[in-house]
């Protein structure tokens, strides 16, 4: 049996959750993980080989460059029986031949970050993953925001306080939950006016308070993606845009106010920079230095 999967998107937690489910499904398989440092020749040979120790193989390739991986199309017909292949590309172009092949012959999963108005959806994820009451889950999302990485970090902390086997209730959330988005909101508002001095001061405060840099990156990416989206509607009023994208008029109006301070090309460049910083942070690069340079570039770009 041959199985092909391609997971991508902004919400890293959802991708990890999909991988956990896949590993559980193939718990008797031989697990092999590769990344962008693995040469095409080595990976091609690996995909054609059968496992000597297990009837099944689960092969995960992280940060693969799809634009340079069309050689995979030649390997797919020779993929060894019992092999499940999972690609975690660094970037995705839906026009890419590998993407189209996996879309036709396998499963594509896009992990989209939840927008600020999607609190109910984020709460549902928490309810599935943790021992928490529905009111407590909703309250936690109200306090922390919709970033799943930050939410599950808070869930883990509160669960430890409550004790093993004890459900998280509203009292525990009110007592312990920390808003990781307060500084991120302030940073977004400061960047709206490209105020480098204020933005850097907010950023330094966020690091002193140990705000998750991935959470800040996620909120910035969300803000600039929305700015690009609403800008694409031209002079359309915010009520019409809100109806088109299934958002609230208030939120769209705020995004339009933010977007008017940036040209379309600037927004695209910022989104590329956010992606690059995210990749570097995953390799252990200094978050304070990278984020400071990023904020400075946004304000002075």
Protein backbone atom coordinates (compact mmCIF):
# COMPACT_ATOMS: atom_id res chain seq x y z
CA UNK A 1 0.00 0.00 0.00
CA UNK A 2 1.30 3.42 -0.98
CA UNK A 3 0.21 6.53 0.90
CA UNK A 4 1.18 10.13 0.10
CA UNK A 5 0.64 13.14 2.33
CA UNK A 6 1.62 16.80 2.09
CA UNK A 7 1.11 19.02 5.13
CA UNK A 8 1.72 22.77 5.09
CA UNK A 9 0.47 26.02 6.60
CA UNK A 10 0.92 28.60 9.34
CA UNK A 11 -0.52 26.67 12.29
CA UNK A 12 2.35 24.42 13.33
CA UNK A 13 0.31 22.85 16.13
CA UNK A 14 -2.26 21.45 13.68
CA UNK A 15 0.51 19.97 11.53
CA UNK A 16 2.06 18.30 14.57
CA UNK A 17 -1.36 16.97 15.54
CA UNK A 18 -1.82 15.45 12.07
CA UNK A 19 1.63 13.87 12.31
CA UNK A 20 0.81 12.39 15.72
CA UNK A 21 -2.34 10.81 14.31
CA UNK A 22 -0.43 9.42 11.36
CA UNK A 23 2.28 7.97 13.60
CA UNK A 24 -0.39 6.34 15.77
CA UNK A 25 -2.06 4.90 12.67
CA UNK A 26 1.29 3.44 11.55
CA UNK A 27 2.65 2.64 15.01
CA UNK A 28 4.18 -0.61 13.80
CA UNK A 29 5.97 1.08 10.92
CA UNK A 30 9.65 1.93 10.73
CA UNK A 31 9.85 5.73 11.26
CA UNK A 32 12.43 7.66 9.21
CA UNK A 33 12.84 11.44 9.20
CA UNK A 34 14.83 13.50 6.70
CA UNK A 35 15.21 17.21 5.97
CA UNK A 36 16.51 19.65 3.37
CA UNK A 37 20.09 18.57 4.10
CA UNK A 38 19.39 15.13 2.62
CA UNK A 39 20.48 14.98 -1.02
CA UNK A 40 18.02 14.06 -3.77
CA UNK A 41 20.09 10.98 -4.62
CA UNK A 42 20.03 9.63 -1.07
CA UNK A 43 16.33 10.31 -0.63
CA UNK A 44 15.43 8.75 -3.99
CA UNK A 45 17.34 5.59 -3.12
CA UNK A 46 15.71 5.50 0.32
CA UNK A 47 12.21 5.75 -1.14
CA UNK A 48 12.84 2.86 -3.51
CA UNK A 49 14.21 0.56 -0.80
CA UNK A 50 12.13 -1.77 1.36
CA UNK A 51 12.56 -1.90 5.12
CA UNK A 52 14.57 -4.84 6.44
CA UNK A 53 13.06 -4.58 9.91
CA UNK A 54 9.35 -3.77 9.44
CA UNK A 55 6.66 -4.45 6.82
CA UNK A 56 5.75 -0.76 6.80
CA UNK A 57 7.75 2.46 6.60
CA UNK A 58 6.69 5.97 7.56
CA UNK A 59 9.03 8.47 5.89
CA UNK A 60 8.77 12.16 6.82
CA UNK A 61 10.68 14.78 4.82
CA UNK A 62 10.83 18.17 6.56
CA UNK A 63 11.43 21.60 4.97
CA UNK A 64 11.61 20.17 1.47
CA UNK A 65 11.85 22.63 -1.43
CA UNK A 66 9.10 21.54 -3.83
CA UNK A 67 10.43 23.74 -6.63
CA UNK A 68 13.64 21.68 -6.63
CA UNK A 69 12.01 18.33 -6.02
CA UNK A 70 10.29 17.42 -9.27
CA UNK A 71 12.62 14.41 -9.42
CA UNK A 72 10.13 12.89 -6.93
CA UNK A 73 7.72 12.36 -9.82
CA UNK A 74 10.15 9.85 -11.35
CA UNK A 75 10.49 8.02 -8.03
CA UNK A 76 6.79 7.73 -7.16
CA UNK A 77 6.09 4.74 -9.48
CA UNK A 78 8.97 2.89 -7.78
CA UNK A 79 7.97 3.74 -4.22
CA UNK A 80 8.49 0.59 -2.19
CA UNK A 81 5.30 -1.27 -1.07
CA UNK A 82 4.13 -0.45 2.45
CA UNK A 83 5.74 3.00 2.37
CA UNK A 84 3.90 6.09 3.59
CA UNK A 85 5.55 9.34 2.52
CA UNK A 86 4.87 12.67 4.23
CA UNK A 87 6.22 15.94 2.83
CA UNK A 88 6.44 19.07 5.02
CA UNK A 89 7.45 21.74 2.48
CA UNK A 90 9.00 25.05 3.52
CA UNK A 91 6.83 26.90 1.00
CA UNK A 92 3.99 25.91 -1.30
CA UNK A 93 3.12 26.91 -4.83
CA UNK A 94 -0.11 25.17 -5.82
CA UNK A 95 1.03 25.24 -9.46
CA UNK A 96 4.03 23.05 -8.61
CA UNK A 97 3.98 19.60 -10.27
CA UNK A 98 4.79 17.76 -7.04
CA UNK A 99 1.96 19.55 -5.23
CA UNK A 100 -0.47 18.67 -8.03
CA UNK A 101 0.67 15.02 -7.99
CA UNK A 102 0.12 14.70 -4.23
CA UNK A 103 -3.21 16.48 -4.56
CA UNK A 104 -4.34 13.92 -7.14
CA UNK A 105 -2.81 10.76 -5.68
CA UNK A 106 -2.54 11.55 -1.98
CA UNK A 107 -3.83 13.86 0.74
CA UNK A 108 -3.14 17.59 1.08
CA UNK A 109 -3.64 19.28 4.46
CA UNK A 110 -3.36 23.05 4.88
CA UNK A 111 -3.03 24.10 8.51
CA UNK A 112 -4.47 27.59 8.57
CA UNK A 113 -4.00 29.76 11.64
CA UNK A 114 -7.28 30.80 13.22
CA UNK A 115 -8.25 34.44 12.77
CA UNK A 116 -9.13 36.50 15.87
CA UNK A 117 -12.86 36.10 15.19
CA UNK A 118 -12.56 32.28 15.04
CA UNK A 119 -12.53 31.84 18.80
CA UNK A 120 -15.12 29.07 18.75
CA UNK A 121 -13.05 26.99 16.31
CA UNK A 122 -9.93 27.39 18.46
CA UNK A 123 -11.92 26.41 21.56
CA UNK A 124 -13.10 23.23 19.81
CA UNK A 125 -9.47 22.19 19.22
CA UNK A 126 -8.69 22.65 22.92
CA UNK A 127 -11.75 20.61 23.90
CA UNK A 128 -10.53 17.71 21.76
CA UNK A 129 -6.96 17.88 23.07
CA UNK A 130 -7.42 18.60 26.76
CA UNK A 131 -9.53 17.78 29.82
CA UNK A 132 -11.24 21.15 30.03
CA UNK A 133 -14.83 22.37 30.31
CA UNK A 134 -16.38 24.24 27.37
CA UNK A 135 -16.80 27.51 29.32
CA UNK A 136 -13.16 27.28 30.46
CA UNK A 137 -11.97 26.64 26.89
CA UNK A 138 -13.86 29.69 25.62
CA UNK A 139 -12.51 31.83 28.44
CA UNK A 140 -8.95 30.66 27.74
CA UNK A 141 -9.28 31.67 24.08
CA UNK A 142 -10.63 35.08 25.10
CA UNK A 143 -7.58 35.65 27.32
CA UNK A 144 -4.78 34.08 25.25
CA UNK A 145 -6.07 34.48 21.68
CA UNK A 146 -6.46 31.95 18.88
CA UNK A 147 -2.81 30.88 18.47
CA UNK A 148 -2.91 27.14 19.22
CA UNK A 149 0.74 26.90 20.24
CA UNK A 150 0.19 29.51 22.98
CA UNK A 151 -3.14 27.99 23.98
CA UNK A 152 -1.76 24.49 24.46
CA UNK A 153 1.19 25.88 26.39
CA UNK A 154 -1.26 27.50 28.80
CA UNK A 155 -3.33 24.30 28.96
CA UNK A 156 -0.23 22.31 29.94
CA UNK A 157 0.64 24.81 32.67
CA UNK A 158 -2.90 24.95 34.09
CA UNK A 159 -3.26 21.15 33.95
CA UNK A 160 -0.17 20.80 36.12
CA UNK A 161 -1.73 23.16 38.65
CA UNK A 162 -5.08 21.33 38.66
CA UNK A 163 -3.51 17.93 39.08
CA UNK A 164 -3.61 14.69 37.13
CA UNK A 165 -7.10 13.65 36.05
CA UNK A 166 -8.68 16.94 37.10
CA UNK A 167 -10.61 18.96 34.54
CA UNK A 168 -9.62 22.58 33.95
CA UNK A 169 -12.42 24.92 35.02
CA UNK A 170 -13.03 28.65 34.63
CA UNK A 171 -11.60 29.42 38.07
CA UNK A 172 -8.25 27.85 37.15
CA UNK A 173 -8.15 29.71 33.82
CA UNK A 174 -8.92 33.04 35.50
CA UNK A 175 -6.24 32.40 38.09
CA UNK A 176 -3.40 31.24 35.84
CA UNK A 177 -3.92 32.08 32.17
CA UNK A 178 -1.57 34.73 30.82
CA UNK A 179 -2.40 36.85 27.79
CA UNK A 180 0.44 36.30 25.37
CA UNK A 181 -1.21 38.65 22.90
CA UNK A 182 -1.17 41.88 24.90
CA UNK A 183 2.32 42.88 23.75
CA UNK A 184 1.66 41.43 20.30
CA UNK A 185 -1.43 43.63 19.95
CA UNK A 186 0.59 46.66 21.06
CA UNK A 187 3.33 45.76 18.58
CA UNK A 188 0.86 45.45 15.70
CA UNK A 189 -0.66 48.82 16.58
CA UNK A 190 2.78 50.46 16.70
CA UNK A 191 3.80 48.94 13.36
CA UNK A 192 0.64 50.39 11.85
CA UNK A 193 2.36 53.79 12.06
CA UNK A 194 5.85 52.37 11.35
CA UNK A 195 7.08 53.72 14.68
CA UNK A 196 10.44 51.98 15.05
CA UNK A 197 11.36 53.36 18.49
CA UNK A 198 8.05 52.43 20.14
CA UNK A 199 7.89 49.07 18.34
CA UNK A 200 11.37 48.07 19.55
CA UNK A 201 10.53 49.10 23.12
CA UNK A 202 7.35 46.96 23.01
CA UNK A 203 9.35 44.07 21.57
CA UNK A 204 11.97 44.26 24.35
CA UNK A 205 9.19 44.31 26.96
CA UNK A 206 7.66 41.23 25.34
CA UNK A 207 10.95 39.36 25.64
CA UNK A 208 11.35 40.42 29.28
CA UNK A 209 7.89 38.97 29.93
CA UNK A 210 8.92 35.82 28.03
CA UNK A 211 6.24 36.16 25.35
CA UNK A 212 6.53 33.31 22.84
CA UNK A 213 8.26 34.71 19.69
CA UNK A 214 6.32 32.27 17.51
CA UNK A 215 3.09 33.68 18.91
CA UNK A 216 4.21 37.22 18.01
CA UNK A 217 5.27 36.11 14.54
CA UNK A 218 1.94 34.39 14.06
CA UNK A 219 -0.03 37.48 14.97
CA UNK A 220 2.11 39.71 12.75
CA UNK A 221 1.72 37.30 9.83
CA UNK A 222 -2.02 37.18 10.41
CA UNK A 223 -2.23 40.99 10.45
CA UNK A 224 -0.22 41.46 7.26
CA UNK A 225 -2.06 38.67 5.43
CA UNK A 226 -5.35 40.33 6.28
CA UNK A 227 -3.96 43.70 5.19
CA UNK A 228 -3.02 42.17 1.84
CA UNK A 229 -6.44 40.55 1.51
CA UNK A 230 -8.51 43.66 2.25
CA UNK A 231 -6.22 45.76 0.07
CA UNK A 232 -7.00 43.46 -2.87
CA UNK A 233 -10.64 44.65 -2.77
CA UNK A 234 -9.59 48.14 -3.86
CA UNK A 235 -11.98 50.84 -2.68
CA UNK A 236 -14.73 48.44 -1.60
CA UNK A 237 -16.37 49.42 1.70
CA UNK A 238 -15.63 47.36 4.80
CA UNK A 239 -19.17 45.99 5.11
CA UNK A 240 -18.99 44.39 1.64
CA UNK A 241 -15.49 43.02 2.32
CA UNK A 242 -16.62 41.56 5.66
CA UNK A 243 -19.48 39.78 3.95
CA UNK A 244 -17.18 38.42 1.22
CA UNK A 245 -14.57 37.00 3.60
CA UNK A 246 -17.06 36.03 6.33
CA UNK A 247 -15.55 38.36 8.93
CA UNK A 248 -16.90 41.20 11.05
CA UNK A 249 -17.15 44.78 9.69
CA UNK A 250 -15.32 46.11 12.77
CA UNK A 251 -12.33 43.83 12.28
CA UNK A 252 -12.17 44.53 8.53
CA UNK A 253 -12.29 48.27 9.17
CA UNK A 254 -9.31 47.97 11.53
CA UNK A 255 -7.43 45.94 8.91
CA UNK A 256 -8.16 48.56 6.26
CA UNK A 257 -6.81 51.28 8.56
CA UNK A 258 -3.66 49.23 9.07
CA UNK A 259 -3.28 48.44 5.35
CA UNK A 260 -3.43 52.05 4.22
CA UNK A 261 0.01 52.66 5.74
CA UNK A 262 1.63 50.02 3.50
CA UNK A 263 1.98 49.51 -0.23
CA UNK A 264 1.03 46.08 -1.58
CA UNK A 265 4.64 45.24 -2.43
CA UNK A 266 5.73 46.22 1.10
CA UNK A 267 3.20 43.84 2.62
CA UNK A 268 4.37 40.98 0.39
CA UNK A 269 8.00 41.64 1.39
CA UNK A 270 7.05 41.67 5.09
CA UNK A 271 5.25 38.32 4.74
CA UNK A 272 8.34 36.81 3.08
CA UNK A 273 10.53 38.21 5.88
CA UNK A 274 8.19 36.76 8.53
CA UNK A 275 8.43 33.36 6.88
CA UNK A 276 12.25 33.52 6.78
CA UNK A 277 12.47 34.56 10.43
CA UNK A 278 10.17 31.69 11.40
CA UNK A 279 12.42 29.18 9.63
CA UNK A 280 15.53 30.59 11.34
CA UNK A 281 13.89 30.50 14.77
CA UNK A 282 13.15 26.81 14.27
CA UNK A 283 16.88 26.19 13.83
CA UNK A 284 17.64 27.85 17.17
CA UNK A 285 18.65 31.32 15.98
CA UNK A 286 18.57 34.22 18.47
CA UNK A 287 14.93 35.32 18.62
CA UNK A 288 15.62 38.73 20.20
CA UNK A 289 18.13 39.71 17.49
CA UNK A 290 16.04 38.38 14.59
CA UNK A 291 12.81 39.99 15.78
CA UNK A 292 14.52 43.32 16.43
CA UNK A 293 16.00 43.36 12.92
CA UNK A 294 12.63 42.39 11.48
CA UNK A 295 10.77 45.18 13.29
CA UNK A 296 13.40 47.71 12.24
CA UNK A 297 13.15 46.59 8.61
CA UNK A 298 9.33 46.79 8.66
CA UNK A 299 9.39 50.32 10.01
CA UNK A 300 12.16 51.58 7.72
CA UNK A 301 11.58 49.38 4.66
